[in-house]
Amino acid sequence: MENKLHSHTFAGRTSNNEDHIHQYSGVTDEISDQLGHIHYIEGSTSFEDSHVHYYRIATSPAIYVNGGHYHVYMGNADFAKNHIQVIAGDTSFLKKE
């Protein structure tokens, strides 16, 4: 898979702020599989408590294990309805071809 374009899926739930959580999911941007590469996750959360949050977060550099790799991410979604939500998790694991 070296230097081939690829992306990862991601999904999760935000932190519990203001007595509610949001769901989110998507696909990272595409980038070549070079040592230390990162991706960006971008999108909006589910509609809860009459609002959504938008986010654009960089992942960690690739974490190589068991013949493939994944990424960790953590960051804040934007400010909405007087609060922020934290987004954190791991991307899907991709095996080297």
PDB file of N, CA and C in Angstrom:
ATOM      1  N   MET A   1       0.831  -1.198   0.000  1.00  0.00           N
ATOM      2  CA  MET A   1       0.000   0.000   0.000  1.00  0.00           C
ATOM      3  C   MET A   1       0.873   1.258   0.000  1.00  0.00           C
ATOM      4  N   GLU A   2       2.177   1.108   0.088  1.00  0.00           N
ATOM      5  CA  GLU A   2       3.084   2.240   0.148  1.00  0.00           C
ATOM      6  C   GLU A   2       2.802   3.239  -0.972  1.00  0.00           C
ATOM      7  N   ASN A   3       2.587   4.482  -0.592  1.00  0.00           N
ATOM      8  CA  ASN A   3       2.358   5.614  -1.487  1.00  0.00           C
ATOM      9  C   ASN A   3       1.054   5.557  -2.280  1.00  0.00           C
ATOM     10  N   LYS A   4       0.183   4.622  -2.010  1.00  0.00           N
ATOM     11  CA  LYS A   4      -1.119   4.595  -2.666  1.00  0.00           C
ATOM     12  C   LYS A   4      -2.091   5.478  -1.892  1.00  0.00           C
ATOM     13  N   LEU A   5      -2.966   6.163  -2.639  1.00  0.00           N
ATOM     14  CA  LEU A   5      -3.989   6.980  -1.979  1.00  0.00           C
ATOM     15  C   LEU A   5      -4.943   6.095  -1.208  1.00  0.00           C
ATOM     16  N   HIS A   6      -5.344   6.553  -0.046  1.00  0.00           N
ATOM     17  CA  HIS A   6      -6.291   5.800   0.758  1.00  0.00           C
ATOM     18  C   HIS A   6      -7.014   6.755   1.708  1.00  0.00           C
ATOM     19  N   SER A   7      -8.101   6.273   2.268  1.00  0.00           N
ATOM     20  CA  SER A   7      -8.841   7.005   3.296  1.00  0.00           C
ATOM     21  C   SER A   7      -9.309   5.997   4.333  1.00  0.00           C
ATOM     22  N   HIS A   8      -9.835   6.496   5.433  1.00  0.00           N
ATOM     23  CA  HIS A   8     -10.350   5.662   6.519  1.00  0.00           C
ATOM     24  C   HIS A   8     -11.770   6.115   6.851  1.00  0.00           C
ATOM     25  N   THR A   9     -12.554   5.216   7.387  1.00  0.00           N
ATOM     26  CA  THR A   9     -13.850   5.615   7.936  1.00  0.00           C
ATOM     27  C   THR A   9     -13.654   5.950   9.415  1.00  0.00           C
ATOM     28  N   PHE A  10     -14.592   6.707   9.962  1.00  0.00           N
ATOM     29  CA  PHE A  10     -14.586   7.025  11.386  1.00  0.00           C
ATOM     30  C   PHE A  10     -16.026   7.233  11.834  1.00  0.00           C
ATOM     31  N   ALA A  11     -16.282   7.005  13.096  1.00  0.00           N
ATOM     32  CA  ALA A  11     -17.626   7.190  13.648  1.00  0.00           C
ATOM     33  C   ALA A  11     -17.532   7.226  15.159  1.00  0.00           C
ATOM     34  N   GLY A  12     -18.473   7.896  15.781  1.00  0.00           N
ATOM     35  CA  GLY A  12     -18.487   7.918  17.233  1.00  0.00           C
ATOM     36  C   GLY A  12     -19.569   8.812  17.793  1.00  0.00           C
ATOM     37  N   ARG A  13     -19.418   9.061  19.078  1.00  0.00           N
ATOM     38  CA  ARG A  13     -20.326   9.927  19.817  1.00  0.00           C
ATOM     39  C   ARG A  13     -19.499  11.014  20.478  1.00  0.00           C
ATOM     40  N   THR A  14     -20.039  12.201  20.536  1.00  0.00           N
ATOM     41  CA  THR A  14     -19.347  13.311  21.174  1.00  0.00           C
ATOM     42  C   THR A  14     -19.381  13.158  22.695  1.00  0.00           C
ATOM     43  N   SER A  15     -18.675  14.050  23.354  1.00  0.00           N
ATOM     44  CA  SER A  15     -18.782  14.146  24.810  1.00  0.00           C
ATOM     45  C   SER A  15     -20.207  14.549  25.182  1.00  0.00           C
ATOM     46  N   ASN A  16     -20.546  14.350  26.438  1.00  0.00           N
ATOM     47  CA  ASN A  16     -21.865  14.741  26.936  1.00  0.00           C
ATOM     48  C   ASN A  16     -21.755  16.146  27.521  1.00  0.00           C
ATOM     49  N   ASN A  17     -22.254  17.119  26.788  1.00  0.00           N
ATOM     50  CA  ASN A  17     -22.241  18.507  27.242  1.00  0.00           C
ATOM     51  C   ASN A  17     -23.663  19.044  27.208  1.00  0.00           C
ATOM     52  N   GLU A  18     -24.001  19.849  28.193  1.00  0.00           N
ATOM     53  CA  GLU A  18     -25.357  20.415  28.260  1.00  0.00           C
ATOM     54  C   GLU A  18     -26.418  19.306  28.221  1.00  0.00           C
ATOM     55  N   ASP A  19     -26.107  18.155  28.828  1.00  0.00           N
ATOM     56  CA  ASP A  19     -27.042  17.021  28.951  1.00  0.00           C
ATOM     57  C   ASP A  19     -27.457  16.396  27.627  1.00  0.00           C
ATOM     58  N   HIS A  20     -26.564  16.400  26.644  1.00  0.00           N
ATOM     59  CA  HIS A  20     -26.849  15.683  25.407  1.00  0.00           C
ATOM     60  C   HIS A  20     -25.548  15.316  24.697  1.00  0.00           C
ATOM     61  N   ILE A  21     -25.650  14.361  23.787  1.00  0.00           N
ATOM     62  CA  ILE A  21     -24.525  13.951  22.951  1.00  0.00           C
ATOM     63  C   ILE A  21     -24.964  14.026  21.492  1.00  0.00           C
ATOM     64  N   HIS A  22     -24.001  13.978  20.592  1.00  0.00           N
ATOM     65  CA  HIS A  22     -24.259  13.933  19.154  1.00  0.00           C
ATOM     66  C   HIS A  22     -23.539  12.723  18.569  1.00  0.00           C
ATOM     67  N   GLN A  23     -24.057  12.204  17.491  1.00  0.00           N
ATOM     68  CA  GLN A  23     -23.398  11.153  16.719  1.00  0.00           C
ATOM     69  C   GLN A  23     -22.648  11.815  15.570  1.00  0.00           C
ATOM     70  N   TYR A  24     -21.604  11.162  15.074  1.00  0.00           N
ATOM     71  CA  TYR A  24     -20.906  11.654  13.891  1.00  0.00           C
ATOM     72  C   TYR A  24     -20.283  10.476  13.160  1.00  0.00           C
ATOM     73  N   SER A  25     -20.061  10.611  11.884  1.00  0.00           N
ATOM     74  CA  SER A  25     -19.384   9.584  11.091  1.00  0.00           C
ATOM     75  C   SER A  25     -18.951  10.192   9.770  1.00  0.00           C
ATOM     76  N   GLY A  26     -18.038   9.516   9.101  1.00  0.00           N
ATOM     77  CA  GLY A  26     -17.586  10.004   7.809  1.00  0.00           C
ATOM     78  C   GLY A  26     -16.386   9.241   7.302  1.00  0.00           C
ATOM     79  N   VAL A  27     -15.740   9.843   6.304  1.00  0.00           N
ATOM     80  CA  VAL A  27     -14.554   9.285   5.674  1.00  0.00           C
ATOM     81  C   VAL A  27     -13.489  10.371   5.676  1.00  0.00           C
ATOM     82  N   THR A  28     -12.268  10.007   6.027  1.00  0.00           N
ATOM     83  CA  THR A  28     -11.177  10.972   6.036  1.00  0.00           C
ATOM     84  C   THR A  28     -10.876  11.438   4.611  1.00  0.00           C
ATOM     85  N   ASP A  29     -10.051  12.458   4.498  1.00  0.00           N
ATOM     86  CA  ASP A  29      -9.545  12.845   3.193  1.00  0.00           C
ATOM     87  C   ASP A  29      -8.607  11.742   2.697  1.00  0.00           C
ATOM     88  N   GLU A  30      -8.332  11.748   1.391  1.00  0.00           N
ATOM     89  CA  GLU A  30      -7.421  10.768   0.803  1.00  0.00           C
ATOM     90  C   GLU A  30      -6.001  11.312   0.807  1.00  0.00           C
ATOM     91  N   ILE A  31      -5.065  10.446   1.145  1.00  0.00           N
ATOM     92  CA  ILE A  31      -3.655  10.830   1.140  1.00  0.00           C
ATOM     93  C   ILE A  31      -2.834   9.567   0.889  1.00  0.00           C
ATOM     94  N   SER A  32      -1.600   9.727   0.424  1.00  0.00           N
ATOM     95  CA  SER A  32      -0.766   8.556   0.168  1.00  0.00           C
ATOM     96  C   SER A  32      -0.207   8.005   1.482  1.00  0.00           C
ATOM     97  N   ASP A  33       0.037   6.703   1.470  1.00  0.00           N
ATOM     98  CA  ASP A  33       0.509   6.004   2.669  1.00  0.00           C
ATOM     99  C   ASP A  33       2.014   6.168   2.801  1.00  0.00           C
ATOM    100  N   GLN A  34       2.427   7.309   3.306  1.00  0.00           N
ATOM    101  CA  GLN A  34       3.840   7.557   3.574  1.00  0.00           C
ATOM    102  C   GLN A  34       4.036   7.587   5.082  1.00  0.00           C
ATOM    103  N   LEU A  35       5.205   7.192   5.516  1.00  0.00           N
ATOM    104  CA  LEU A  35       5.509   7.144   6.939  1.00  0.00           C
ATOM    105  C   LEU A  35       5.195   8.484   7.603  1.00  0.00           C
ATOM    106  N   GLY A  36       4.402   8.444   8.659  1.00  0.00           N
ATOM    107  CA  GLY A  36       4.066   9.648   9.408  1.00  0.00           C
ATOM    108  C   GLY A  36       2.925  10.472   8.835  1.00  0.00           C
ATOM    109  N   HIS A  37       2.235   9.959   7.819  1.00  0.00           N
ATOM    110  CA  HIS A  37       1.155  10.752   7.214  1.00  0.00           C
ATOM    111  C   HIS A  37      -0.006  10.946   8.189  1.00  0.00           C
ATOM    112  N   ILE A  38      -0.762  12.000   7.974  1.00  0.00           N
ATOM    113  CA  ILE A  38      -1.974  12.281   8.748  1.00  0.00           C
ATOM    114  C   ILE A  38      -3.144  12.448   7.788  1.00  0.00           C
ATOM    115  N   HIS A  39      -4.343  12.454   8.341  1.00  0.00           N
ATOM    116  CA  HIS A  39      -5.569  12.731   7.592  1.00  0.00           C
ATOM    117  C   HIS A  39      -6.322  13.838   8.310  1.00  0.00           C
ATOM    118  N   TYR A  40      -7.349  14.352   7.659  1.00  0.00           N
ATOM    119  CA  TYR A  40      -8.290  15.264   8.294  1.00  0.00           C
ATOM    120  C   TYR A  40      -9.663  14.627   8.282  1.00  0.00           C
ATOM    121  N   ILE A  41     -10.364  14.749   9.406  1.00  0.00           N
ATOM    122  CA  ILE A  41     -11.770  14.364   9.455  1.00  0.00           C
ATOM    123  C   ILE A  41     -12.563  15.666   9.484  1.00  0.00           C
ATOM    124  N   GLU A  42     -13.660  15.670   8.779  1.00  0.00           N
ATOM    125  CA  GLU A  42     -14.442  16.900   8.634  1.00  0.00           C
ATOM    126  C   GLU A  42     -15.911  16.537   8.459  1.00  0.00           C
ATOM    127  N   GLY A  43     -16.788  17.338   9.038  1.00  0.00           N
ATOM    128  CA  GLY A  43     -18.213  17.094   8.877  1.00  0.00           C
ATOM    129  C   GLY A  43     -19.034  17.813   9.916  1.00  0.00           C
ATOM    130  N   SER A  44     -20.228  17.306  10.127  1.00  0.00           N
ATOM    131  CA  SER A  44     -21.129  17.853  11.142  1.00  0.00           C
ATOM    132  C   SER A  44     -21.720  16.710  11.947  1.00  0.00           C
ATOM    133  N   THR A  45     -22.084  17.022  13.159  1.00  0.00           N
ATOM    134  CA  THR A  45     -22.688  16.029  14.047  1.00  0.00           C
ATOM    135  C   THR A  45     -24.166  15.856  13.710  1.00  0.00           C
ATOM    136  N   SER A  46     -24.775  14.894  14.360  1.00  0.00           N
ATOM    137  CA  SER A  46     -26.219  14.716  14.239  1.00  0.00           C
ATOM    138  C   SER A  46     -26.943  15.910  14.888  1.00  0.00           C
ATOM    139  N   PHE A  47     -28.172  16.100  14.502  1.00  0.00           N
ATOM    140  CA  PHE A  47     -29.014  17.179  15.021  1.00  0.00           C
ATOM    141  C   PHE A  47     -29.602  16.729  16.351  1.00  0.00           C
ATOM    142  N   GLU A  48     -29.186  17.370  17.424  1.00  0.00           N
ATOM    143  CA  GLU A  48     -29.676  17.061  18.778  1.00  0.00           C
ATOM    144  C   GLU A  48     -29.921  18.371  19.503  1.00  0.00           C
ATOM    145  N   ASP A  49     -30.915  18.410  20.352  1.00  0.00           N
ATOM    146  CA  ASP A  49     -31.190  19.592  21.164  1.00  0.00           C
ATOM    147  C   ASP A  49     -31.256  20.857  20.295  1.00  0.00           C
ATOM    148  N   SER A  50     -31.848  20.729  19.115  1.00  0.00           N
ATOM    149  CA  SER A  50     -32.091  21.840  18.175  1.00  0.00           C
ATOM    150  C   SER A  50     -30.830  22.450  17.563  1.00  0.00           C
ATOM    151  N   HIS A  51     -29.744  21.667  17.438  1.00  0.00           N
ATOM    152  CA  HIS A  51     -28.543  22.204  16.813  1.00  0.00           C
ATOM    153  C   HIS A  51     -27.592  21.098  16.355  1.00  0.00           C
ATOM    154  N   VAL A  52     -26.592  21.475  15.560  1.00  0.00           N
ATOM    155  CA  VAL A  52     -25.490  20.608  15.148  1.00  0.00           C
ATOM    156  C   VAL A  52     -24.179  21.313  15.470  1.00  0.00           C
ATOM    157  N   HIS A  53     -23.088  20.559  15.439  1.00  0.00           N
ATOM    158  CA  HIS A  53     -21.742  21.109  15.572  1.00  0.00           C
ATOM    159  C   HIS A  53     -20.955  20.709  14.327  1.00  0.00           C
ATOM    160  N   TYR A  54     -20.086  21.578  13.867  1.00  0.00           N
ATOM    161  CA  TYR A  54     -19.213  21.295  12.728  1.00  0.00           C
ATOM    162  C   TYR A  54     -17.802  21.079  13.241  1.00  0.00           C
ATOM    163  N   TYR A  55     -17.028  20.262  12.526  1.00  0.00           N
ATOM    164  CA  TYR A  55     -15.669  19.965  12.973  1.00  0.00           C
ATOM    165  C   TYR A  55     -14.740  19.738  11.783  1.00  0.00           C
ATOM    166  N   ARG A  56     -13.482  20.037  11.998  1.00  0.00           N
ATOM    167  CA  ARG A  56     -12.371  19.703  11.097  1.00  0.00           C
ATOM    168  C   ARG A  56     -11.176  19.464  12.009  1.00  0.00           C
ATOM    169  N   ILE A  57     -10.732  18.211  12.070  1.00  0.00           N
ATOM    170  CA  ILE A  57      -9.713  17.795  13.033  1.00  0.00           C
ATOM    171  C   ILE A  57      -8.648  16.970  12.317  1.00  0.00           C
ATOM    172  N   ALA A  58      -7.394  17.231  12.617  1.00  0.00           N
ATOM    173  CA  ALA A  58      -6.285  16.423  12.101  1.00  0.00           C
ATOM    174  C   ALA A  58      -6.146  15.162  12.945  1.00  0.00           C
ATOM    175  N   THR A  59      -5.821  14.060  12.293  1.00  0.00           N
ATOM    176  CA  THR A  59      -5.559  12.815  13.018  1.00  0.00           C
ATOM    177  C   THR A  59      -4.109  12.790  13.489  1.00  0.00           C
ATOM    178  N   SER A  60      -3.806  11.796  14.282  1.00  0.00           N
ATOM    179  CA  SER A  60      -2.412  11.529  14.639  1.00  0.00           C
ATOM    180  C   SER A  60      -1.699  10.995  13.403  1.00  0.00           C
ATOM    181  N   PRO A  61      -0.377  10.968  13.442  1.00  0.00           N
ATOM    182  CA  PRO A  61       0.346  10.239  12.390  1.00  0.00           C
ATOM    183  C   PRO A  61      -0.076   8.767  12.406  1.00  0.00           C
ATOM    184  N   ALA A  62       0.126   8.084  11.298  1.00  0.00           N
ATOM    185  CA  ALA A  62      -0.259   6.671  11.185  1.00  0.00           C
ATOM    186  C   ALA A  62       0.380   5.845  12.295  1.00  0.00           C
ATOM    187  N   ILE A  63      -0.416   4.933  12.844  1.00  0.00           N
ATOM    188  CA  ILE A  63       0.053   3.991  13.859  1.00  0.00           C
ATOM    189  C   ILE A  63       0.075   2.617  13.185  1.00  0.00           C
ATOM    190  N   TYR A  64       1.275   2.094  12.943  1.00  0.00           N
ATOM    191  CA  TYR A  64       1.445   0.841  12.198  1.00  0.00           C
ATOM    192  C   TYR A  64       1.491  -0.350  13.146  1.00  0.00           C
ATOM    193  N   VAL A  65       0.584  -1.297  12.944  1.00  0.00           N
ATOM    194  CA  VAL A  65       0.530  -2.540  13.722  1.00  0.00           C
ATOM    195  C   VAL A  65      -0.049  -3.650  12.851  1.00  0.00           C
ATOM    196  N   ASN A  66       0.345  -4.871  13.100  1.00  0.00           N
ATOM    197  CA  ASN A  66      -0.253  -6.055  12.466  1.00  0.00           C
ATOM    198  C   ASN A  66      -0.430  -5.926  10.958  1.00  0.00           C
ATOM    199  N   GLY A  67       0.554  -5.384  10.275  1.00  0.00           N
ATOM    200  CA  GLY A  67       0.495  -5.316   8.818  1.00  0.00           C
ATOM    201  C   GLY A  67      -0.427  -4.258   8.258  1.00  0.00           C
ATOM    202  N   GLY A  68      -0.782  -3.267   9.026  1.00  0.00           N
ATOM    203  CA  GLY A  68      -1.646  -2.193   8.552  1.00  0.00           C
ATOM    204  C   GLY A  68      -1.477  -0.974   9.428  1.00  0.00           C
ATOM    205  N   HIS A  69      -2.452  -0.074   9.365  1.00  0.00           N
ATOM    206  CA  HIS A  69      -2.358   1.114  10.214  1.00  0.00           C
ATOM    207  C   HIS A  69      -3.732   1.732  10.467  1.00  0.00           C
ATOM    208  N   TYR A  70      -3.768   2.596  11.469  1.00  0.00           N
ATOM    209  CA  TYR A  70      -4.950   3.382  11.806  1.00  0.00           C
ATOM    210  C   TYR A  70      -4.459   4.712  12.369  1.00  0.00           C
ATOM    211  N   HIS A  71      -5.383   5.589  12.708  1.00  0.00           N
ATOM    212  CA  HIS A  71      -5.060   6.901  13.260  1.00  0.00           C
ATOM    213  C   HIS A  71      -5.957   7.181  14.454  1.00  0.00           C
ATOM    214  N   VAL A  72      -5.469   7.977  15.380  1.00  0.00           N
ATOM    215  CA  VAL A  72      -6.233   8.457  16.524  1.00  0.00           C
ATOM    216  C   VAL A  72      -6.558   9.923  16.269  1.00  0.00           C
ATOM    217  N   TYR A  73      -7.714  10.366  16.730  1.00  0.00           N
ATOM    218  CA  TYR A  73      -8.067  11.782  16.590  1.00  0.00           C
ATOM    219  C   TYR A  73      -8.760  12.268  17.857  1.00  0.00           C
ATOM    220  N   MET A  74      -8.616  13.549  18.133  1.00  0.00           N
ATOM    221  CA  MET A  74      -9.314  14.185  19.240  1.00  0.00           C
ATOM    222  C   MET A  74      -9.308  15.689  19.010  1.00  0.00           C
ATOM    223  N   GLY A  75     -10.440  16.310  19.219  1.00  0.00           N
ATOM    224  CA  GLY A  75     -10.524  17.750  19.069  1.00  0.00           C
ATOM    225  C   GLY A  75     -11.908  18.248  19.424  1.00  0.00           C
ATOM    226  N   ASN A  76     -12.077  19.551  19.348  1.00  0.00           N
ATOM    227  CA  ASN A  76     -13.353  20.179  19.658  1.00  0.00           C
ATOM    228  C   ASN A  76     -14.144  20.449  18.390  1.00  0.00           C
ATOM    229  N   ALA A  77     -15.419  20.182  18.457  1.00  0.00           N
ATOM    230  CA  ALA A  77     -16.329  20.649  17.408  1.00  0.00           C
ATOM    231  C   ALA A  77     -16.595  22.125  17.695  1.00  0.00           C
ATOM    232  N   ASP A  78     -17.134  22.821  16.736  1.00  0.00           N
ATOM    233  CA  ASP A  78     -17.322  24.263  16.911  1.00  0.00           C
ATOM    234  C   ASP A  78     -18.339  24.594  18.004  1.00  0.00           C
ATOM    235  N   PHE A  79     -18.336  25.833  18.398  1.00  0.00           N
ATOM    236  CA  PHE A  79     -19.217  26.378  19.427  1.00  0.00           C
ATOM    237  C   PHE A  79     -20.631  26.513  18.862  1.00  0.00           C
ATOM    238  N   ALA A  80     -21.605  25.960  19.552  1.00  0.00           N
ATOM    239  CA  ALA A  80     -23.014  26.083  19.137  1.00  0.00           C
ATOM    240  C   ALA A  80     -23.888  26.027  20.384  1.00  0.00           C
ATOM    241  N   LYS A  81     -24.870  26.838  20.432  1.00  0.00           N
ATOM    242  CA  LYS A  81     -25.828  26.861  21.536  1.00  0.00           C
ATOM    243  C   LYS A  81     -25.113  26.921  22.890  1.00  0.00           C
ATOM    244  N   ASN A  82     -24.126  27.801  22.982  1.00  0.00           N
ATOM    245  CA  ASN A  82     -23.389  28.090  24.218  1.00  0.00           C
ATOM    246  C   ASN A  82     -22.498  26.968  24.743  1.00  0.00           C
ATOM    247  N   HIS A  83     -22.029  26.062  23.876  1.00  0.00           N
ATOM    248  CA  HIS A  83     -21.120  25.009  24.327  1.00  0.00           C
ATOM    249  C   HIS A  83     -20.364  24.415  23.139  1.00  0.00           C
ATOM    250  N   ILE A  84     -19.342  23.633  23.456  1.00  0.00           N
ATOM    251  CA  ILE A  84     -18.626  22.845  22.455  1.00  0.00           C
ATOM    252  C   ILE A  84     -18.843  21.375  22.769  1.00  0.00           C
ATOM    253  N   GLN A  85     -18.499  20.510  21.844  1.00  0.00           N
ATOM    254  CA  GLN A  85     -18.527  19.058  22.049  1.00  0.00           C
ATOM    255  C   GLN A  85     -17.148  18.531  21.675  1.00  0.00           C
ATOM    256  N   VAL A  86     -16.646  17.575  22.428  1.00  0.00           N
ATOM    257  CA  VAL A  86     -15.365  16.941  22.142  1.00  0.00           C
ATOM    258  C   VAL A  86     -15.607  15.705  21.279  1.00  0.00           C
ATOM    259  N   ILE A  87     -14.764  15.550  20.256  1.00  0.00           N
ATOM    260  CA  ILE A  87     -14.808  14.397  19.364  1.00  0.00           C
ATOM    261  C   ILE A  87     -13.486  13.659  19.515  1.00  0.00           C
ATOM    262  N   ALA A  88     -13.540  12.355  19.749  1.00  0.00           N
ATOM    263  CA  ALA A  88     -12.317  11.575  19.927  1.00  0.00           C
ATOM    264  C   ALA A  88     -12.569  10.130  19.527  1.00  0.00           C
ATOM    265  N   GLY A  89     -11.542   9.490  18.974  1.00  0.00           N
ATOM    266  CA  GLY A  89     -11.675   8.082  18.609  1.00  0.00           C
ATOM    267  C   GLY A  89     -10.537   7.618  17.722  1.00  0.00           C
ATOM    268  N   ASP A  90     -10.744   6.471  17.101  1.00  0.00           N
ATOM    269  CA  ASP A  90      -9.795   5.871  16.171  1.00  0.00           C
ATOM    270  C   ASP A  90     -10.452   5.733  14.800  1.00  0.00           C
ATOM    271  N   THR A  91      -9.651   5.847  13.757  1.00  0.00           N
ATOM    272  CA  THR A  91     -10.166   5.573  12.417  1.00  0.00           C
ATOM    273  C   THR A  91     -10.214   4.065  12.201  1.00  0.00           C
ATOM    274  N   SER A  92     -10.768   3.666  11.087  1.00  0.00           N
ATOM    275  CA  SER A  92     -10.754   2.252  10.721  1.00  0.00           C
ATOM    276  C   SER A  92      -9.320   1.796  10.463  1.00  0.00           C
ATOM    277  N   PHE A  93      -9.095   0.513  10.610  1.00  0.00           N
ATOM    278  CA  PHE A  93      -7.784  -0.103  10.394  1.00  0.00           C
ATOM    279  C   PHE A  93      -7.678  -0.514   8.928  1.00  0.00           C
ATOM    280  N   LEU A  94      -6.578  -0.178   8.276  1.00  0.00           N
ATOM    281  CA  LEU A  94      -6.347  -0.587   6.891  1.00  0.00           C
ATOM    282  C   LEU A  94      -5.145  -1.504   6.821  1.00  0.00           C
ATOM    283  N   LYS A  95      -5.349  -2.684   6.248  1.00  0.00           N
ATOM    284  CA  LYS A  95      -4.267  -3.643   6.058  1.00  0.00           C
ATOM    285  C   LYS A  95      -3.456  -3.253   4.834  1.00  0.00           C
ATOM    286  N   LYS A  96      -2.141  -3.458   4.903  1.00  0.00           N
ATOM    287  CA  LYS A  96      -1.294  -3.224   3.727  1.00  0.00           C
ATOM    288  C   LYS A  96      -1.618  -4.274   2.680  1.00  0.00           C
ATOM    289  N   GLU A  97      -1.625  -3.846   1.433  1.00  0.00           N
ATOM    290  CA  GLU A  97      -1.910  -4.779   0.327  1.00  0.00           C
ATOM    291  C   GLU A  97      -0.663  -5.489  -0.115  1.00  0.00           C
TER     292      GLU A  97
END
